[in-house]
Amino acid sequence: MKSLQTNLKRIRDLLNATSARGRVYHYARPKDKLTSWIVWMEDSEAGAAESDNRKAYQQVHGTIDCYTKTEYDPLLDEIQSALNSAGVGWRLNMVDYEDETALIHYEWEFFIA
């Protein structure tokens, strides 16, 4: 079983390998004016198995949120390709246009073990 920290660093590193490098934040972004960025976070254990009174398997669930002003932003495909290449389970959970900020907001759920 990989450690929790190892799995979280895998998510961080694969997102930083996209063109969003330098605009990838864990939990929250700074308040500066950006036109696109990624915020990701882990939020729960999605699955587990125990053996001999020890955890033998742990799957962590989290979200990746991408905010952009660009319609058909290439970053979206980069995120999905990075998740696929790293063998991370995922699903596109939500797409929303935010009137207040004029941003398009994409959210993926990820599952990593």
PDB file of N, CA and C in Angstrom:
ATOM      1  N   MET A   1       0.842  -1.184   0.000  1.00  0.00           N
ATOM      2  CA  MET A   1       0.000   0.000   0.000  1.00  0.00           C
ATOM      3  C   MET A   1       0.884   1.244   0.000  1.00  0.00           C
ATOM      4  N   LYS A   2       0.625   2.150  -0.929  1.00  0.00           N
ATOM      5  CA  LYS A   2       1.359   3.406  -0.963  1.00  0.00           C
ATOM      6  C   LYS A   2       0.905   4.295   0.183  1.00  0.00           C
ATOM      7  N   SER A   3       1.811   5.119   0.680  1.00  0.00           N
ATOM      8  CA  SER A   3       1.442   6.015   1.773  1.00  0.00           C
ATOM      9  C   SER A   3       0.505   7.112   1.267  1.00  0.00           C
ATOM     10  N   LEU A   4      -0.254   7.671   2.180  1.00  0.00           N
ATOM     11  CA  LEU A   4      -1.159   8.772   1.844  1.00  0.00           C
ATOM     12  C   LEU A   4      -0.378   9.932   1.231  1.00  0.00           C
ATOM     13  N   GLN A   5       0.743  10.282   1.841  1.00  0.00           N
ATOM     14  CA  GLN A   5       1.548  11.396   1.336  1.00  0.00           C
ATOM     15  C   GLN A   5       2.071  11.132  -0.075  1.00  0.00           C
ATOM     16  N   THR A   6       2.483   9.909  -0.339  1.00  0.00           N
ATOM     17  CA  THR A   6       2.971   9.553  -1.671  1.00  0.00           C
ATOM     18  C   THR A   6       1.876   9.763  -2.712  1.00  0.00           C
ATOM     19  N   ASN A   7       0.667   9.308  -2.414  1.00  0.00           N
ATOM     20  CA  ASN A   7      -0.440   9.474  -3.357  1.00  0.00           C
ATOM     21  C   ASN A   7      -0.803  10.947  -3.567  1.00  0.00           C
ATOM     22  N   LEU A   8      -0.811  11.721  -2.494  1.00  0.00           N
ATOM     23  CA  LEU A   8      -1.142  13.143  -2.630  1.00  0.00           C
ATOM     24  C   LEU A   8      -0.083  13.882  -3.448  1.00  0.00           C
ATOM     25  N   LYS A   9       1.167  13.540  -3.241  1.00  0.00           N
ATOM     26  CA  LYS A   9       2.237  14.170  -4.019  1.00  0.00           C
ATOM     27  C   LYS A   9       2.151  13.771  -5.491  1.00  0.00           C
ATOM     28  N   ARG A  10       1.664  12.577  -5.784  1.00  0.00           N
ATOM     29  CA  ARG A  10       1.460  12.165  -7.190  1.00  0.00           C
ATOM     30  C   ARG A  10       0.446  13.083  -7.868  1.00  0.00           C
ATOM     31  N   ILE A  11      -0.649  13.375  -7.178  1.00  0.00           N
ATOM     32  CA  ILE A  11      -1.660  14.284  -7.746  1.00  0.00           C
ATOM     33  C   ILE A  11      -1.054  15.657  -7.952  1.00  0.00           C
ATOM     34  N   ARG A  12      -0.378  16.183  -6.942  1.00  0.00           N
ATOM     35  CA  ARG A  12       0.261  17.496  -7.048  1.00  0.00           C
ATOM     36  C   ARG A  12       1.214  17.548  -8.233  1.00  0.00           C
ATOM     37  N   ASP A  13       2.060  16.530  -8.350  1.00  0.00           N
ATOM     38  CA  ASP A  13       3.079  16.523  -9.397  1.00  0.00           C
ATOM     39  C   ASP A  13       2.482  16.399 -10.791  1.00  0.00           C
ATOM     40  N   LEU A  14       1.451  15.570 -10.942  1.00  0.00           N
ATOM     41  CA  LEU A  14       0.874  15.434 -12.281  1.00  0.00           C
ATOM     42  C   LEU A  14       0.168  16.714 -12.704  1.00  0.00           C
ATOM     43  N   LEU A  15      -0.440  17.433 -11.770  1.00  0.00           N
ATOM     44  CA  LEU A  15      -1.076  18.709 -12.123  1.00  0.00           C
ATOM     45  C   LEU A  15      -0.035  19.780 -12.433  1.00  0.00           C
ATOM     46  N   ASN A  16       1.074  19.760 -11.700  1.00  0.00           N
ATOM     47  CA  ASN A  16       2.148  20.726 -11.975  1.00  0.00           C
ATOM     48  C   ASN A  16       2.881  20.431 -13.272  1.00  0.00           C
ATOM     49  N   ALA A  17       2.701  19.243 -13.827  1.00  0.00           N
ATOM     50  CA  ALA A  17       3.317  18.905 -15.114  1.00  0.00           C
ATOM     51  C   ALA A  17       2.494  19.434 -16.290  1.00  0.00           C
ATOM     52  N   THR A  18       1.309  19.993 -16.022  1.00  0.00           N
ATOM     53  CA  THR A  18       0.492  20.585 -17.078  1.00  0.00           C
ATOM     54  C   THR A  18       0.944  22.022 -17.326  1.00  0.00           C
ATOM     55  N   SER A  19       0.330  22.673 -18.283  1.00  0.00           N
ATOM     56  CA  SER A  19       0.672  24.073 -18.577  1.00  0.00           C
ATOM     57  C   SER A  19       0.237  25.016 -17.459  1.00  0.00           C
ATOM     58  N   ALA A  20      -0.472  24.509 -16.463  1.00  0.00           N
ATOM     59  CA  ALA A  20      -0.885  25.330 -15.317  1.00  0.00           C
ATOM     60  C   ALA A  20       0.215  25.441 -14.266  1.00  0.00           C
ATOM     61  N   ARG A  21       1.381  24.884 -14.536  1.00  0.00           N
ATOM     62  CA  ARG A  21       2.494  24.927 -13.569  1.00  0.00           C
ATOM     63  C   ARG A  21       2.629  26.337 -12.996  1.00  0.00           C
ATOM     64  N   GLY A  22       2.711  26.428 -11.688  1.00  0.00           N
ATOM     65  CA  GLY A  22       2.799  27.722 -11.017  1.00  0.00           C
ATOM     66  C   GLY A  22       1.430  28.299 -10.683  1.00  0.00           C
ATOM     67  N   ARG A  23       0.383  27.642 -11.196  1.00  0.00           N
ATOM     68  CA  ARG A  23      -0.997  28.068 -10.911  1.00  0.00           C
ATOM     69  C   ARG A  23      -1.814  26.883 -10.398  1.00  0.00           C
ATOM     70  N   VAL A  24      -1.132  25.987  -9.672  1.00  0.00           N
ATOM     71  CA  VAL A  24      -1.767  24.808  -9.085  1.00  0.00           C
ATOM     72  C   VAL A  24      -1.708  24.972  -7.572  1.00  0.00           C
ATOM     73  N   TYR A  25      -2.874  24.895  -6.926  1.00  0.00           N
ATOM     74  CA  TYR A  25      -2.953  25.163  -5.494  1.00  0.00           C
ATOM     75  C   TYR A  25      -3.657  24.021  -4.778  1.00  0.00           C
ATOM     76  N   HIS A  26      -3.205  23.756  -3.564  1.00  0.00           N
ATOM     77  CA  HIS A  26      -3.789  22.720  -2.719  1.00  0.00           C
ATOM     78  C   HIS A  26      -4.742  23.405  -1.750  1.00  0.00           C
ATOM     79  N   TYR A  27      -5.997  23.078  -1.770  1.00  0.00           N
ATOM     80  CA  TYR A  27      -7.091  23.592  -0.935  1.00  0.00           C
ATOM     81  C   TYR A  27      -7.640  24.943  -1.382  1.00  0.00           C
ATOM     82  N   ALA A  28      -6.813  25.951  -1.577  1.00  0.00           N
ATOM     83  CA  ALA A  28      -7.314  27.284  -1.928  1.00  0.00           C
ATOM     84  C   ALA A  28      -6.247  28.036  -2.710  1.00  0.00           C
ATOM     85  N   ARG A  29      -6.673  28.982  -3.517  1.00  0.00           N
ATOM     86  CA  ARG A  29      -5.733  29.779  -4.303  1.00  0.00           C
ATOM     87  C   ARG A  29      -5.513  31.133  -3.636  1.00  0.00           C
ATOM     88  N   PRO A  30      -4.388  31.775  -3.930  1.00  0.00           N
ATOM     89  CA  PRO A  30      -4.186  33.143  -3.447  1.00  0.00           C
ATOM     90  C   PRO A  30      -5.226  34.070  -4.069  1.00  0.00           C
ATOM     91  N   LYS A  31      -5.382  35.222  -3.541  1.00  0.00           N
ATOM     92  CA  LYS A  31      -6.408  36.158  -4.010  1.00  0.00           C
ATOM     93  C   LYS A  31      -5.982  36.995  -5.211  1.00  0.00           C
ATOM     94  N   ASP A  32      -4.850  36.680  -5.830  1.00  0.00           N
ATOM     95  CA  ASP A  32      -4.396  37.462  -6.981  1.00  0.00           C
ATOM     96  C   ASP A  32      -5.316  37.254  -8.178  1.00  0.00           C
ATOM     97  N   LYS A  33      -5.208  38.126  -9.134  1.00  0.00           N
ATOM     98  CA  LYS A  33      -6.054  38.069 -10.330  1.00  0.00           C
ATOM     99  C   LYS A  33      -5.424  37.125 -11.355  1.00  0.00           C
ATOM    100  N   LEU A  34      -6.035  35.972 -11.541  1.00  0.00           N
ATOM    101  CA  LEU A  34      -5.567  34.999 -12.510  1.00  0.00           C
ATOM    102  C   LEU A  34      -6.681  34.761 -13.524  1.00  0.00           C
ATOM    103  N   THR A  35      -6.301  34.372 -14.721  1.00  0.00           N
ATOM    104  CA  THR A  35      -7.313  34.050 -15.726  1.00  0.00           C
ATOM    105  C   THR A  35      -7.575  32.550 -15.800  1.00  0.00           C
ATOM    106  N   SER A  36      -6.670  31.745 -15.265  1.00  0.00           N
ATOM    107  CA  SER A  36      -6.918  30.305 -15.152  1.00  0.00           C
ATOM    108  C   SER A  36      -6.021  29.734 -14.055  1.00  0.00           C
ATOM    109  N   TRP A  37      -6.545  28.706 -13.379  1.00  0.00           N
ATOM    110  CA  TRP A  37      -5.787  28.054 -12.320  1.00  0.00           C
ATOM    111  C   TRP A  37      -6.467  26.742 -11.954  1.00  0.00           C
ATOM    112  N   ILE A  38      -5.748  25.944 -11.159  1.00  0.00           N
ATOM    113  CA  ILE A  38      -6.261  24.667 -10.657  1.00  0.00           C
ATOM    114  C   ILE A  38      -6.164  24.683  -9.133  1.00  0.00           C
ATOM    115  N   VAL A  39      -7.232  24.224  -8.494  1.00  0.00           N
ATOM    116  CA  VAL A  39      -7.229  23.978  -7.047  1.00  0.00           C
ATOM    117  C   VAL A  39      -7.625  22.525  -6.862  1.00  0.00           C
ATOM    118  N   TRP A  40      -6.869  21.798  -6.058  1.00  0.00           N
ATOM    119  CA  TRP A  40      -7.193  20.398  -5.810  1.00  0.00           C
ATOM    120  C   TRP A  40      -7.171  20.130  -4.324  1.00  0.00           C
ATOM    121  N   MET A  41      -7.894  19.087  -3.924  1.00  0.00           N
ATOM    122  CA  MET A  41      -7.887  18.698  -2.511  1.00  0.00           C
ATOM    123  C   MET A  41      -8.367  17.265  -2.356  1.00  0.00           C
ATOM    124  N   GLU A  42      -7.850  16.621  -1.358  1.00  0.00           N
ATOM    125  CA  GLU A  42      -8.341  15.316  -0.964  1.00  0.00           C
ATOM    126  C   GLU A  42      -9.452  15.552   0.056  1.00  0.00           C
ATOM    127  N   ASP A  43     -10.455  14.670   0.070  1.00  0.00           N
ATOM    128  CA  ASP A  43     -11.538  14.921   1.018  1.00  0.00           C
ATOM    129  C   ASP A  43     -12.030  13.693   1.776  1.00  0.00           C
ATOM    130  N   SER A  44     -11.675  12.493   1.332  1.00  0.00           N
ATOM    131  CA  SER A  44     -12.166  11.327   2.064  1.00  0.00           C
ATOM    132  C   SER A  44     -11.478  10.056   1.601  1.00  0.00           C
ATOM    133  N   GLU A  45     -11.728   9.010   2.353  1.00  0.00           N
ATOM    134  CA  GLU A  45     -11.299   7.679   1.941  1.00  0.00           C
ATOM    135  C   GLU A  45     -12.451   7.080   1.140  1.00  0.00           C
ATOM    136  N   ALA A  46     -12.177   6.684  -0.089  1.00  0.00           N
ATOM    137  CA  ALA A  46     -13.233   6.166  -0.961  1.00  0.00           C
ATOM    138  C   ALA A  46     -13.385   4.657  -0.858  1.00  0.00           C
ATOM    139  N   GLY A  47     -12.360   4.002  -0.416  1.00  0.00           N
ATOM    140  CA  GLY A  47     -12.422   2.556  -0.275  1.00  0.00           C
ATOM    141  C   GLY A  47     -11.242   2.076   0.540  1.00  0.00           C
ATOM    142  N   ALA A  48     -11.403   0.936   1.191  1.00  0.00           N
ATOM    143  CA  ALA A  48     -10.316   0.401   2.012  1.00  0.00           C
ATOM    144  C   ALA A  48     -10.531  -1.090   2.215  1.00  0.00           C
ATOM    145  N   ALA A  49      -9.450  -1.764   2.546  1.00  0.00           N
ATOM    146  CA  ALA A  49      -9.507  -3.174   2.918  1.00  0.00           C
ATOM    147  C   ALA A  49      -8.522  -3.389   4.059  1.00  0.00           C
ATOM    148  N   GLU A  50      -8.949  -4.174   5.008  1.00  0.00           N
ATOM    149  CA  GLU A  50      -8.095  -4.480   6.145  1.00  0.00           C
ATOM    150  C   GLU A  50      -7.735  -5.966   6.121  1.00  0.00           C
ATOM    151  N   SER A  51      -6.544  -6.260   6.647  1.00  0.00           N
ATOM    152  CA  SER A  51      -6.075  -7.633   6.746  1.00  0.00           C
ATOM    153  C   SER A  51      -5.172  -7.735   7.970  1.00  0.00           C
ATOM    154  N   ASP A  52      -5.388  -8.743   8.782  1.00  0.00           N
ATOM    155  CA  ASP A  52      -4.587  -8.941   9.998  1.00  0.00           C
ATOM    156  C   ASP A  52      -4.551  -7.680  10.863  1.00  0.00           C
ATOM    157  N   ASN A  53      -5.705  -7.050  11.033  1.00  0.00           N
ATOM    158  CA  ASN A  53      -5.852  -5.848  11.867  1.00  0.00           C
ATOM    159  C   ASN A  53      -5.015  -4.664  11.381  1.00  0.00           C
ATOM    160  N   ARG A  54      -4.774  -4.622  10.088  1.00  0.00           N
ATOM    161  CA  ARG A  54      -4.040  -3.505   9.484  1.00  0.00           C
ATOM    162  C   ARG A  54      -4.735  -3.116   8.192  1.00  0.00           C
ATOM    163  N   LYS A  55      -4.574  -1.888   7.833  1.00  0.00           N
ATOM    164  CA  LYS A  55      -5.120  -1.438   6.559  1.00  0.00           C
ATOM    165  C   LYS A  55      -4.208  -1.950   5.449  1.00  0.00           C
ATOM    166  N   ALA A  56      -4.773  -2.723   4.549  1.00  0.00           N
ATOM    167  CA  ALA A  56      -4.007  -3.301   3.451  1.00  0.00           C
ATOM    168  C   ALA A  56      -4.161  -2.500   2.163  1.00  0.00           C
ATOM    169  N   TYR A  57      -5.241  -1.743   2.074  1.00  0.00           N
ATOM    170  CA  TYR A  57      -5.542  -0.994   0.852  1.00  0.00           C
ATOM    171  C   TYR A  57      -6.309   0.266   1.240  1.00  0.00           C
ATOM    172  N   GLN A  58      -5.939   1.379   0.634  1.00  0.00           N
ATOM    173  CA  GLN A  58      -6.650   2.635   0.885  1.00  0.00           C
ATOM    174  C   GLN A  58      -6.793   3.393  -0.419  1.00  0.00           C
ATOM    175  N   GLN A  59      -8.014   3.730  -0.752  1.00  0.00           N
ATOM    176  CA  GLN A  59      -8.273   4.574  -1.918  1.00  0.00           C
ATOM    177  C   GLN A  59      -8.736   5.927  -1.403  1.00  0.00           C
ATOM    178  N   VAL A  60      -8.103   6.980  -1.910  1.00  0.00           N
ATOM    179  CA  VAL A  60      -8.414   8.340  -1.487  1.00  0.00           C
ATOM    180  C   VAL A  60      -9.219   9.030  -2.583  1.00  0.00           C
ATOM    181  N   HIS A  61     -10.219   9.781  -2.164  1.00  0.00           N
ATOM    182  CA  HIS A  61     -11.082  10.549  -3.061  1.00  0.00           C
ATOM    183  C   HIS A  61     -10.760  12.024  -2.898  1.00  0.00           C
ATOM    184  N   GLY A  62     -10.832  12.754  -3.993  1.00  0.00           N
ATOM    185  CA  GLY A  62     -10.634  14.193  -3.932  1.00  0.00           C
ATOM    186  C   GLY A  62     -11.211  14.862  -5.165  1.00  0.00           C
ATOM    187  N   THR A  63     -11.005  16.161  -5.243  1.00  0.00           N
ATOM    188  CA  THR A  63     -11.498  16.920  -6.386  1.00  0.00           C
ATOM    189  C   THR A  63     -10.391  17.785  -6.969  1.00  0.00           C
ATOM    190  N   ILE A  64     -10.514  18.011  -8.258  1.00  0.00           N
ATOM    191  CA  ILE A  64      -9.637  18.917  -8.990  1.00  0.00           C
ATOM    192  C   ILE A  64     -10.559  19.925  -9.654  1.00  0.00           C
ATOM    193  N   ASP A  65     -10.374  21.194  -9.339  1.00  0.00           N
ATOM    194  CA  ASP A  65     -11.183  22.258  -9.921  1.00  0.00           C
ATOM    195  C   ASP A  65     -10.309  23.116 -10.817  1.00  0.00           C
ATOM    196  N   CYS A  66     -10.757  23.309 -12.035  1.00  0.00           N
ATOM    197  CA  CYS A  66     -10.045  24.156 -12.988  1.00  0.00           C
ATOM    198  C   CYS A  66     -10.949  25.329 -13.329  1.00  0.00           C
ATOM    199  N   TYR A  67     -10.417  26.523 -13.183  1.00  0.00           N
ATOM    200  CA  TYR A  67     -11.135  27.754 -13.501  1.00  0.00           C
ATOM    201  C   TYR A  67     -10.446  28.403 -14.695  1.00  0.00           C
ATOM    202  N   THR A  68     -11.229  28.789 -15.687  1.00  0.00           N
ATOM    203  CA  THR A  68     -10.654  29.382 -16.884  1.00  0.00           C
ATOM    204  C   THR A  68     -11.630  30.362 -17.523  1.00  0.00           C
ATOM    205  N   LYS A  69     -11.086  31.323 -18.221  1.00  0.00           N
ATOM    206  CA  LYS A  69     -11.900  32.241 -19.023  1.00  0.00           C
ATOM    207  C   LYS A  69     -11.903  31.813 -20.489  1.00  0.00           C
ATOM    208  N   THR A  70     -11.128  30.777 -20.811  1.00  0.00           N
ATOM    209  CA  THR A  70     -10.935  30.355 -22.194  1.00  0.00           C
ATOM    210  C   THR A  70     -11.870  29.211 -22.554  1.00  0.00           C
ATOM    211  N   GLU A  71     -12.736  29.454 -23.527  1.00  0.00           N
ATOM    212  CA  GLU A  71     -13.588  28.386 -24.031  1.00  0.00           C
ATOM    213  C   GLU A  71     -12.705  27.374 -24.756  1.00  0.00           C
ATOM    214  N   TYR A  72     -12.947  26.096 -24.534  1.00  0.00           N
ATOM    215  CA  TYR A  72     -12.147  25.006 -25.114  1.00  0.00           C
ATOM    216  C   TYR A  72     -10.672  25.111 -24.714  1.00  0.00           C
ATOM    217  N   ASP A  73     -10.421  25.428 -23.474  1.00  0.00           N
ATOM    218  CA  ASP A  73      -9.055  25.567 -22.952  1.00  0.00           C
ATOM    219  C   ASP A  73      -8.315  24.234 -23.096  1.00  0.00           C
ATOM    220  N   PRO A  74      -7.137  24.218 -23.741  1.00  0.00           N
ATOM    221  CA  PRO A  74      -6.359  22.974 -23.880  1.00  0.00           C
ATOM    222  C   PRO A  74      -5.969  22.361 -22.531  1.00  0.00           C
ATOM    223  N   LEU A  75      -5.950  23.157 -21.491  1.00  0.00           N
ATOM    224  CA  LEU A  75      -5.601  22.663 -20.160  1.00  0.00           C
ATOM    225  C   LEU A  75      -6.543  21.540 -19.714  1.00  0.00           C
ATOM    226  N   LEU A  76      -7.787  21.582 -20.145  1.00  0.00           N
ATOM    227  CA  LEU A  76      -8.764  20.559 -19.746  1.00  0.00           C
ATOM    228  C   LEU A  76      -8.319  19.177 -20.212  1.00  0.00           C
ATOM    229  N   ASP A  77      -7.896  19.082 -21.468  1.00  0.00           N
ATOM    230  CA  ASP A  77      -7.408  17.797 -21.985  1.00  0.00           C
ATOM    231  C   ASP A  77      -6.093  17.401 -21.323  1.00  0.00           C
ATOM    232  N   GLU A  78      -5.271  18.379 -20.993  1.00  0.00           N
ATOM    233  CA  GLU A  78      -4.007  18.083 -20.303  1.00  0.00           C
ATOM    234  C   GLU A  78      -4.273  17.424 -18.949  1.00  0.00           C
ATOM    235  N   ILE A  79      -5.251  17.940 -18.226  1.00  0.00           N
ATOM    236  CA  ILE A  79      -5.583  17.377 -16.914  1.00  0.00           C
ATOM    237  C   ILE A  79      -6.044  15.936 -17.065  1.00  0.00           C
ATOM    238  N   GLN A  80      -6.967  15.699 -17.987  1.00  0.00           N
ATOM    239  CA  GLN A  80      -7.485  14.342 -18.172  1.00  0.00           C
ATOM    240  C   GLN A  80      -6.402  13.390 -18.661  1.00  0.00           C
ATOM    241  N   SER A  81      -5.548  13.840 -19.567  1.00  0.00           N
ATOM    242  CA  SER A  81      -4.440  12.998 -20.053  1.00  0.00           C
ATOM    243  C   SER A  81      -3.461  12.674 -18.929  1.00  0.00           C
ATOM    244  N   ALA A  82      -3.182  13.668 -18.087  1.00  0.00           N
ATOM    245  CA  ALA A  82      -2.259  13.447 -16.971  1.00  0.00           C
ATOM    246  C   ALA A  82      -2.817  12.412 -16.006  1.00  0.00           C
ATOM    247  N   LEU A  83      -4.108  12.494 -15.706  1.00  0.00           N
ATOM    248  CA  LEU A  83      -4.733  11.514 -14.815  1.00  0.00           C
ATOM    249  C   LEU A  83      -4.685  10.118 -15.431  1.00  0.00           C
ATOM    250  N   ASN A  84      -5.003  10.024 -16.717  1.00  0.00           N
ATOM    251  CA  ASN A  84      -4.949   8.731 -17.408  1.00  0.00           C
ATOM    252  C   ASN A  84      -3.537   8.162 -17.410  1.00  0.00           C
ATOM    253  N   SER A  85      -2.564   8.980 -17.755  1.00  0.00           N
ATOM    254  CA  SER A  85      -1.169   8.522 -17.839  1.00  0.00           C
ATOM    255  C   SER A  85      -0.646   8.036 -16.495  1.00  0.00           C
ATOM    256  N   ALA A  86      -1.122   8.648 -15.411  1.00  0.00           N
ATOM    257  CA  ALA A  86      -0.659   8.271 -14.074  1.00  0.00           C
ATOM    258  C   ALA A  86      -1.458   7.103 -13.496  1.00  0.00           C
ATOM    259  N   GLY A  87      -2.463   6.637 -14.236  1.00  0.00           N
ATOM    260  CA  GLY A  87      -3.273   5.531 -13.726  1.00  0.00           C
ATOM    261  C   GLY A  87      -4.173   5.920 -12.573  1.00  0.00           C
ATOM    262  N   VAL A  88      -4.602   7.172 -12.562  1.00  0.00           N
ATOM    263  CA  VAL A  88      -5.484   7.663 -11.506  1.00  0.00           C
ATOM    264  C   VAL A  88      -6.927   7.584 -12.012  1.00  0.00           C
ATOM    265  N   GLY A  89      -7.813   6.997 -11.218  1.00  0.00           N
ATOM    266  CA  GLY A  89      -9.220   6.960 -11.581  1.00  0.00           C
ATOM    267  C   GLY A  89      -9.824   8.353 -11.460  1.00  0.00           C
ATOM    268  N   TRP A  90     -10.739   8.680 -12.366  1.00  0.00           N
ATOM    269  CA  TRP A  90     -11.344  10.018 -12.331  1.00  0.00           C
ATOM    270  C   TRP A  90     -12.668  10.024 -13.065  1.00  0.00           C
ATOM    271  N   ARG A  91     -13.432  11.080 -12.828  1.00  0.00           N
ATOM    272  CA  ARG A  91     -14.630  11.356 -13.604  1.00  0.00           C
ATOM    273  C   ARG A  91     -14.877  12.854 -13.602  1.00  0.00           C
ATOM    274  N   LEU A  92     -15.346  13.370 -14.729  1.00  0.00           N
ATOM    275  CA  LEU A  92     -15.735  14.775 -14.822  1.00  0.00           C
ATOM    276  C   LEU A  92     -17.060  14.895 -14.087  1.00  0.00           C
ATOM    277  N   ASN A  93     -17.071  15.654 -13.017  1.00  0.00           N
ATOM    278  CA  ASN A  93     -18.221  15.724 -12.129  1.00  0.00           C
ATOM    279  C   ASN A  93     -19.151  16.890 -12.441  1.00  0.00           C
ATOM    280  N   MET A  94     -18.586  18.022 -12.916  1.00  0.00           N
ATOM    281  CA  MET A  94     -19.404  19.211 -13.054  1.00  0.00           C
ATOM    282  C   MET A  94     -18.722  20.218 -13.968  1.00  0.00           C
ATOM    283  N   VAL A  95     -19.516  20.933 -14.746  1.00  0.00           N
ATOM    284  CA  VAL A  95     -19.049  22.083 -15.520  1.00  0.00           C
ATOM    285  C   VAL A  95     -20.060  23.187 -15.294  1.00  0.00           C
ATOM    286  N   ASP A  96     -19.567  24.381 -14.993  1.00  0.00           N
ATOM    287  CA  ASP A  96     -20.465  25.482 -14.663  1.00  0.00           C
ATOM    288  C   ASP A  96     -19.869  26.794 -15.152  1.00  0.00           C
ATOM    289  N   TYR A  97     -20.705  27.685 -15.615  1.00  0.00           N
ATOM    290  CA  TYR A  97     -20.270  29.046 -15.933  1.00  0.00           C
ATOM    291  C   TYR A  97     -20.688  29.932 -14.767  1.00  0.00           C
ATOM    292  N   GLU A  98     -19.725  30.676 -14.242  1.00  0.00           N
ATOM    293  CA  GLU A  98     -19.992  31.521 -13.081  1.00  0.00           C
ATOM    294  C   GLU A  98     -20.181  32.969 -13.541  1.00  0.00           C
ATOM    295  N   ASP A  99     -21.415  33.438 -13.509  1.00  0.00           N
ATOM    296  CA  ASP A  99     -21.741  34.787 -13.967  1.00  0.00           C
ATOM    297  C   ASP A  99     -20.965  35.875 -13.224  1.00  0.00           C
ATOM    298  N   GLU A 100     -20.836  35.704 -11.925  1.00  0.00           N
ATOM    299  CA  GLU A 100     -20.189  36.723 -11.094  1.00  0.00           C
ATOM    300  C   GLU A 100     -18.741  36.983 -11.498  1.00  0.00           C
ATOM    301  N   THR A 101     -18.029  35.920 -11.860  1.00  0.00           N
ATOM    302  CA  THR A 101     -16.602  36.051 -12.171  1.00  0.00           C
ATOM    303  C   THR A 101     -16.297  35.911 -13.656  1.00  0.00           C
ATOM    304  N   ALA A 102     -17.284  35.509 -14.447  1.00  0.00           N
ATOM    305  CA  ALA A 102     -17.114  35.234 -15.885  1.00  0.00           C
ATOM    306  C   ALA A 102     -16.102  34.118 -16.121  1.00  0.00           C
ATOM    307  N   LEU A 103     -16.081  33.143 -15.219  1.00  0.00           N
ATOM    308  CA  LEU A 103     -15.179  32.002 -15.326  1.00  0.00           C
ATOM    309  C   LEU A 103     -15.965  30.736 -15.633  1.00  0.00           C
ATOM    310  N   ILE A 104     -15.327  29.841 -16.380  1.00  0.00           N
ATOM    311  CA  ILE A 104     -15.858  28.499 -16.586  1.00  0.00           C
ATOM    312  C   ILE A 104     -15.175  27.617 -15.547  1.00  0.00           C
ATOM    313  N   HIS A 105     -15.967  26.858 -14.811  1.00  0.00           N
ATOM    314  CA  HIS A 105     -15.460  26.043 -13.699  1.00  0.00           C
ATOM    315  C   HIS A 105     -15.703  24.575 -14.023  1.00  0.00           C
ATOM    316  N   TYR A 106     -14.625  23.808 -14.105  1.00  0.00           N
ATOM    317  CA  TYR A 106     -14.671  22.364 -14.323  1.00  0.00           C
ATOM    318  C   TYR A 106     -14.253  21.675 -13.039  1.00  0.00           C
ATOM    319  N   GLU A 107     -14.947  20.594 -12.689  1.00  0.00           N
ATOM    320  CA  GLU A 107     -14.566  19.833 -11.505  1.00  0.00           C
ATOM    321  C   GLU A 107     -14.491  18.350 -11.847  1.00  0.00           C
ATOM    322  N   TRP A 108     -13.352  17.748 -11.513  1.00  0.00           N
ATOM    323  CA  TRP A 108     -13.158  16.305 -11.646  1.00  0.00           C
ATOM    324  C   TRP A 108     -13.075  15.705 -10.251  1.00  0.00           C
ATOM    325  N   GLU A 109     -13.586  14.504 -10.104  1.00  0.00           N
ATOM    326  CA  GLU A 109     -13.325  13.708  -8.913  1.00  0.00           C
ATOM    327  C   GLU A 109     -12.175  12.766  -9.258  1.00  0.00           C
ATOM    328  N   PHE A 110     -11.275  12.548  -8.309  1.00  0.00           N
ATOM    329  CA  PHE A 110     -10.209  11.563  -8.537  1.00  0.00           C
ATOM    330  C   PHE A 110     -10.226  10.522  -7.429  1.00  0.00           C
ATOM    331  N   PHE A 111      -9.726   9.344  -7.799  1.00  0.00           N
ATOM    332  CA  PHE A 111      -9.635   8.193  -6.889  1.00  0.00           C
ATOM    333  C   PHE A 111      -8.240   7.616  -7.061  1.00  0.00           C
ATOM    334  N   ILE A 112      -7.471   7.592  -5.984  1.00  0.00           N
ATOM    335  CA  ILE A 112      -6.092   7.127  -6.094  1.00  0.00           C
ATOM    336  C   ILE A 112      -5.786   6.169  -4.954  1.00  0.00           C
ATOM    337  N   ALA A 113      -5.076   5.104  -5.288  1.00  0.00           N
ATOM    338  CA  ALA A 113      -4.689   4.100  -4.280  1.00  0.00           C
ATOM    339  C   ALA A 113      -3.225   3.762  -4.407  1.00  0.00           C
TER     340      ALA A 113
END
